[in-house]
Amino acid sequence: MSDSVLDRVKRVVAETLEIDAGSIDDAARFVEDLGAQSIQSVELVAAFEEEFDIDMDDDEALAVKTVDGAVEFIAAAVEKQHG
């Protein structure tokens, strides 16, 4: 991967929520800080699955509330599924 997981997560978040990637702090909360609505949270999960070619448990993925939490969750899923 040429881009780090963090960079890719921020890019997906920016595209899905239609915000500037530069304004996304690592500790930002999806709902409270970035303004994600419930449907956008589901869209984020789908976008992360596509970006990283992984399958995520929806309930576990939707329980992740921050950008850095998503990075950790996705990195673990990538490692588990792609070795």
C-alpha atoms as a PDB file:
ATOM      1  CA  MET A   1       0.000   0.000   0.000  1.00  0.00           C
ATOM      2  CA  SER A   2       1.473   3.280  -1.039  1.00  0.00           C
ATOM      3  CA  ASP A   3      -0.850   5.344   1.149  1.00  0.00           C
ATOM      4  CA  SER A   4      -1.044   4.636   4.853  1.00  0.00           C
ATOM      5  CA  VAL A   5      -4.235   3.226   6.318  1.00  0.00           C
ATOM      6  CA  LEU A   6      -4.797   6.597   8.010  1.00  0.00           C
ATOM      7  CA  ASP A   7      -4.502   8.496   4.717  1.00  0.00           C
ATOM      8  CA  ARG A   8      -6.883   6.103   2.986  1.00  0.00           C
ATOM      9  CA  VAL A   9      -9.396   6.264   5.856  1.00  0.00           C
ATOM     10  CA  LYS A  10      -9.321  10.070   5.776  1.00  0.00           C
ATOM     11  CA  ARG A  11      -9.807  10.063   1.994  1.00  0.00           C
ATOM     12  CA  VAL A  12     -12.831   7.733   2.259  1.00  0.00           C
ATOM     13  CA  VAL A  13     -14.313   9.790   5.103  1.00  0.00           C
ATOM     14  CA  ALA A  14     -13.811  13.022   3.151  1.00  0.00           C
ATOM     15  CA  GLU A  15     -15.440  11.609   0.018  1.00  0.00           C
ATOM     16  CA  THR A  16     -18.362  10.015   1.887  1.00  0.00           C
ATOM     17  CA  LEU A  17     -19.115  12.988   4.134  1.00  0.00           C
ATOM     18  CA  GLU A  18     -18.185  15.541   1.454  1.00  0.00           C
ATOM     19  CA  ILE A  19     -15.694  17.394   3.628  1.00  0.00           C
ATOM     20  CA  ASP A  20     -12.054  18.428   3.221  1.00  0.00           C
ATOM     21  CA  ALA A  21      -9.656  15.613   4.130  1.00  0.00           C
ATOM     22  CA  GLY A  22      -7.285  18.190   5.606  1.00  0.00           C
ATOM     23  CA  SER A  23      -9.874  19.124   8.197  1.00  0.00           C
ATOM     24  CA  ILE A  24     -10.107  15.585   9.576  1.00  0.00           C
ATOM     25  CA  ASP A  25      -8.243  15.136  12.864  1.00  0.00           C
ATOM     26  CA  ASP A  26      -7.055  11.622  13.773  1.00  0.00           C
ATOM     27  CA  ALA A  27      -9.156  11.687  16.954  1.00  0.00           C
ATOM     28  CA  ALA A  28     -12.239  13.149  15.255  1.00  0.00           C
ATOM     29  CA  ARG A  29     -15.546  11.511  16.084  1.00  0.00           C
ATOM     30  CA  PHE A  30     -17.638  10.656  13.041  1.00  0.00           C
ATOM     31  CA  VAL A  31     -20.964  11.949  14.358  1.00  0.00           C
ATOM     32  CA  GLU A  32     -20.065  14.657  16.865  1.00  0.00           C
ATOM     33  CA  ASP A  33     -17.068  16.207  15.086  1.00  0.00           C
ATOM     34  CA  LEU A  34     -17.593  15.365  11.414  1.00  0.00           C
ATOM     35  CA  GLY A  35     -21.386  15.499  11.287  1.00  0.00           C
ATOM     36  CA  ALA A  36     -22.029  11.990   9.971  1.00  0.00           C
ATOM     37  CA  GLN A  37     -25.688  10.989   9.845  1.00  0.00           C
ATOM     38  CA  SER A  38     -26.787   7.382  10.478  1.00  0.00           C
ATOM     39  CA  ILE A  39     -27.045   6.544   6.790  1.00  0.00           C
ATOM     40  CA  GLN A  40     -23.587   7.988   6.196  1.00  0.00           C
ATOM     41  CA  SER A  41     -22.190   5.718   8.903  1.00  0.00           C
ATOM     42  CA  VAL A  42     -23.488   2.737   6.944  1.00  0.00           C
ATOM     43  CA  GLU A  43     -22.068   4.241   3.741  1.00  0.00           C
ATOM     44  CA  LEU A  44     -18.688   4.642   5.469  1.00  0.00           C
ATOM     45  CA  VAL A  45     -18.617   0.946   6.399  1.00  0.00           C
ATOM     46  CA  ALA A  46     -19.379  -0.023   2.788  1.00  0.00           C
ATOM     47  CA  ALA A  47     -16.762   2.413   1.468  1.00  0.00           C
ATOM     48  CA  PHE A  48     -14.100   1.087   3.868  1.00  0.00           C
ATOM     49  CA  GLU A  49     -14.898  -2.485   2.802  1.00  0.00           C
ATOM     50  CA  GLU A  50     -14.476  -1.526  -0.840  1.00  0.00           C
ATOM     51  CA  GLU A  51     -11.329   0.586  -0.306  1.00  0.00           C
ATOM     52  CA  PHE A  52      -9.545  -2.091   1.714  1.00  0.00           C
ATOM     53  CA  ASP A  53     -11.101  -5.204   0.105  1.00  0.00           C
ATOM     54  CA  ILE A  54     -12.295  -6.534   3.453  1.00  0.00           C
ATOM     55  CA  ASP A  55     -15.532  -7.720   5.026  1.00  0.00           C
ATOM     56  CA  MET A  56     -16.466  -6.075   8.311  1.00  0.00           C
ATOM     57  CA  ASP A  57     -19.112  -7.082  10.813  1.00  0.00           C
ATOM     58  CA  ASP A  58     -21.621  -4.230  10.542  1.00  0.00           C
ATOM     59  CA  ASP A  59     -22.390  -4.057  14.263  1.00  0.00           C
ATOM     60  CA  GLU A  60     -18.708  -4.044  15.232  1.00  0.00           C
ATOM     61  CA  ALA A  61     -17.832  -1.533  12.515  1.00  0.00           C
ATOM     62  CA  LEU A  62     -20.673   0.808  13.449  1.00  0.00           C
ATOM     63  CA  ALA A  63     -19.488   0.716  17.060  1.00  0.00           C
ATOM     64  CA  VAL A  64     -16.253   2.444  15.975  1.00  0.00           C
ATOM     65  CA  LYS A  65     -16.747   6.141  16.682  1.00  0.00           C
ATOM     66  CA  THR A  66     -13.456   7.852  15.769  1.00  0.00           C
ATOM     67  CA  VAL A  67     -11.077   8.118  12.824  1.00  0.00           C
ATOM     68  CA  ASP A  68      -8.169   6.562  14.748  1.00  0.00           C
ATOM     69  CA  GLY A  69     -10.513   3.828  15.985  1.00  0.00           C
ATOM     70  CA  ALA A  70     -11.444   3.085  12.378  1.00  0.00           C
ATOM     71  CA  VAL A  71      -7.773   2.927  11.406  1.00  0.00           C
ATOM     72  CA  GLU A  72      -7.074   0.341  14.140  1.00  0.00           C
ATOM     73  CA  PHE A  73     -10.218  -1.657  13.311  1.00  0.00           C
ATOM     74  CA  ILE A  74      -9.474  -1.693   9.569  1.00  0.00           C
ATOM     75  CA  ALA A  75      -5.767  -2.494  10.010  1.00  0.00           C
ATOM     76  CA  ALA A  76      -6.719  -5.494  12.161  1.00  0.00           C
ATOM     77  CA  ALA A  77      -9.325  -6.632   9.617  1.00  0.00           C
ATOM     78  CA  VAL A  78      -6.841  -6.302   6.733  1.00  0.00           C
ATOM     79  CA  GLU A  79      -4.226  -8.294   8.653  1.00  0.00           C
ATOM     80  CA  LYS A  80      -6.746 -10.989   9.552  1.00  0.00           C
ATOM     81  CA  GLN A  81      -8.190 -11.316   6.059  1.00  0.00           C
ATOM     82  CA  HIS A  82      -5.111 -10.728   3.912  1.00  0.00           C
ATOM     83  CA  GLY A  83      -2.341 -11.892   6.219  1.00  0.00           C
END
